[in-house]
Amino acid sequence: MRYIVHESQRKEIPGRQIYLYDVFHLYFLPREQEAEYIPLSPVGHVNLNILFITGHVNQVYSYIRQYIDTIPEDIIVATTCFPQRLSKYKRKKTLFVPKTTSNLCYIHNGEPYGFSFDITDSELDFYNASGSIMERLQSAYSK
């Protein structure tokens, strides 16, 4: 499992590390930057075949377009503002994107929810859901 954050969201990393600890009960540490992304890797053994990627749609789209054939994970969870732009990659990977009522995935100021980064409804739903990781993904994100 990997969780990658675009370098433009570097200041969000401490808040995302807390979020990830609460969700997975694992510590995530920043690793060496890959292209324009900073990977947060879990400490310890994790047997989840999932890549979480967050960033603006042009950043996420560019990363996936460039690396789709070399991304080792079979499941990609892409949290981005216009998730429909990624639909063509559903043929190559299992892709989860934020649930939206329009074409735009809105972000909220995370502070009222106890987070120090802007957060989407799907991230909040995933945080609050119960069940296995896959059950939580399926309830919080669209496939």
Protein backbone atom coordinates (compact mmCIF):
# COMPACT_ATOMS: atom_id res chain seq x y z
CA MET A 1 0.00 0.00 0.00
CA ARG A 2 1.15 3.50 -0.85
CA TYR A 3 -0.38 6.90 -0.20
CA ILE A 4 1.05 9.64 -2.40
CA VAL A 5 0.55 13.37 -2.05
CA HIS A 6 1.35 15.95 -4.74
CA GLU A 7 4.25 18.21 -3.79
CA SER A 8 1.94 21.25 -3.89
CA GLN A 9 0.15 19.71 -0.88
CA ARG A 10 3.36 19.15 1.10
CA LYS A 11 2.08 21.26 4.01
CA GLU A 12 -0.81 18.81 4.44
CA ILE A 13 1.45 15.83 5.15
CA PRO A 14 1.44 16.06 8.99
CA GLY A 15 -2.37 16.26 9.02
CA ARG A 16 -2.67 13.41 6.54
CA GLN A 17 -0.32 11.28 8.64
CA ILE A 18 -2.71 11.69 11.59
CA TYR A 19 -5.67 10.87 9.34
CA LEU A 20 -3.89 7.75 8.04
CA TYR A 21 -3.00 6.60 11.54
CA ASP A 22 -6.63 6.94 12.60
CA VAL A 23 -7.87 5.06 9.52
CA PHE A 24 -5.29 2.25 9.32
CA HIS A 25 -3.79 2.24 12.84
CA LEU A 26 -0.37 2.49 11.21
CA TYR A 27 2.26 5.17 11.13
CA PHE A 28 3.06 6.54 7.67
CA LEU A 29 6.43 8.14 6.96
CA PRO A 30 7.41 10.34 4.01
CA ARG A 31 9.84 8.71 1.61
CA GLU A 32 11.98 10.02 -1.23
CA GLN A 33 9.93 12.07 -3.67
CA GLU A 34 8.81 10.27 -6.85
CA ALA A 35 8.34 12.68 -9.76
CA GLU A 36 6.06 15.39 -8.34
CA TYR A 37 4.68 13.16 -5.59
CA ILE A 38 5.71 12.44 -2.02
CA PRO A 39 4.97 8.87 -0.97
CA LEU A 40 3.83 8.16 2.56
CA SER A 41 4.67 4.56 3.37
CA PRO A 42 3.30 2.56 6.28
CA VAL A 43 5.68 1.35 8.94
CA GLY A 44 5.41 -2.41 9.29
CA HIS A 45 3.89 -5.10 7.14
CA VAL A 46 0.74 -4.18 5.22
CA ASN A 47 -0.84 -6.56 2.76
CA LEU A 48 -3.06 -4.14 0.84
CA ASN A 49 -2.72 -3.85 -2.92
CA ILE A 50 -3.87 -0.21 -3.03
CA LEU A 51 -2.41 3.08 -4.24
CA PHE A 52 -4.01 6.19 -2.73
CA ILE A 53 -3.25 9.35 -4.70
CA THR A 54 -4.39 12.86 -3.93
CA GLY A 55 -4.00 16.11 -5.87
CA HIS A 56 -5.64 18.39 -8.39
CA VAL A 57 -7.03 16.60 -11.43
CA ASN A 58 -4.29 17.69 -13.83
CA GLN A 59 -1.64 16.43 -11.40
CA VAL A 60 -3.35 13.10 -10.72
CA TYR A 61 -4.23 12.59 -14.39
CA SER A 62 -0.64 13.28 -15.44
CA TYR A 63 0.77 10.84 -12.88
CA ILE A 64 -1.64 8.05 -13.78
CA ARG A 65 -1.19 8.61 -17.53
CA GLN A 66 2.59 8.44 -17.18
CA TYR A 67 2.80 5.51 -14.76
CA ILE A 68 -0.36 3.42 -15.30
CA ASP A 69 1.59 0.53 -16.81
CA THR A 70 4.19 0.46 -14.02
CA ILE A 71 1.97 1.07 -10.97
CA PRO A 72 2.27 -2.25 -9.12
CA GLU A 73 -0.97 -1.90 -7.19
CA ASP A 74 -4.16 -3.27 -8.76
CA ILE A 75 -6.43 -0.77 -6.98
CA ILE A 76 -6.10 3.00 -7.27
CA VAL A 77 -8.02 5.39 -5.01
CA ALA A 78 -7.75 8.82 -6.67
CA THR A 79 -9.00 11.74 -4.61
CA THR A 80 -9.20 14.65 -7.02
CA CYS A 81 -11.55 17.45 -8.05
CA PHE A 82 -12.80 16.17 -11.45
CA PRO A 83 -12.68 12.39 -11.01
CA GLN A 84 -14.55 11.60 -14.25
CA ARG A 85 -11.41 12.54 -16.22
CA LEU A 86 -9.81 9.35 -14.93
CA SER A 87 -12.52 6.95 -16.12
CA LYS A 88 -10.53 5.69 -19.12
CA TYR A 89 -8.07 4.03 -16.73
CA LYS A 90 -10.76 1.73 -15.34
CA ARG A 91 -9.84 -0.73 -18.08
CA LYS A 92 -6.34 -1.17 -16.64
CA LYS A 93 -6.90 -0.90 -12.88
CA THR A 94 -9.71 -1.00 -10.35
CA LEU A 95 -10.29 2.70 -9.81
CA PHE A 96 -12.11 4.34 -6.92
CA VAL A 97 -12.89 8.07 -7.12
CA PRO A 98 -14.81 10.41 -4.82
CA LYS A 99 -18.58 10.26 -4.92
CA THR A 100 -20.01 13.44 -6.40
CA THR A 101 -23.45 14.85 -7.17
CA SER A 102 -22.01 16.85 -10.05
CA ASN A 103 -18.80 16.66 -12.07
CA LEU A 104 -16.88 18.45 -9.32
CA CYS A 105 -15.67 16.91 -6.09
CA TYR A 106 -15.87 19.64 -3.49
CA ILE A 107 -13.37 19.99 -0.70
CA HIS A 108 -14.14 21.35 2.73
CA ASN A 109 -12.06 23.17 5.26
CA GLY A 110 -10.97 20.27 7.44
CA GLU A 111 -10.72 22.22 10.70
CA PRO A 112 -14.42 21.93 11.69
CA TYR A 113 -14.02 18.15 11.25
CA GLY A 114 -10.80 17.98 13.28
CA PHE A 115 -8.37 17.83 10.35
CA SER A 116 -5.59 20.24 9.42
CA PHE A 117 -6.06 19.80 5.66
CA ASP A 118 -8.87 20.33 3.18
CA ILE A 119 -10.95 17.17 2.95
CA THR A 120 -13.52 15.64 0.61
CA ASP A 121 -16.82 14.01 1.55
CA SER A 122 -15.43 10.64 0.43
CA GLU A 123 -12.40 11.01 2.70
CA LEU A 124 -14.71 11.86 5.60
CA ASP A 125 -16.97 8.91 4.78
CA PHE A 126 -13.97 6.56 4.54
CA TYR A 127 -12.69 7.84 7.89
CA ASN A 128 -16.05 7.26 9.59
CA ALA A 129 -17.04 4.00 7.88
CA SER A 130 -16.80 0.63 9.56
CA GLY A 131 -15.81 -2.73 8.15
CA SER A 132 -12.80 -3.92 6.20
CA ILE A 133 -10.75 -1.48 4.13
CA MET A 134 -12.46 -2.70 0.94
CA GLU A 135 -15.93 -2.39 2.49
CA ARG A 136 -15.09 1.14 3.61
CA LEU A 137 -13.75 2.05 0.15
CA GLN A 138 -16.86 0.70 -1.53
CA SER A 139 -19.14 2.69 0.78
CA ALA A 140 -17.19 5.97 0.59
CA TYR A 141 -16.00 6.09 -3.03
CA SER A 142 -17.43 5.36 -6.48
CA LYS A 143 -15.98 2.58 -8.59
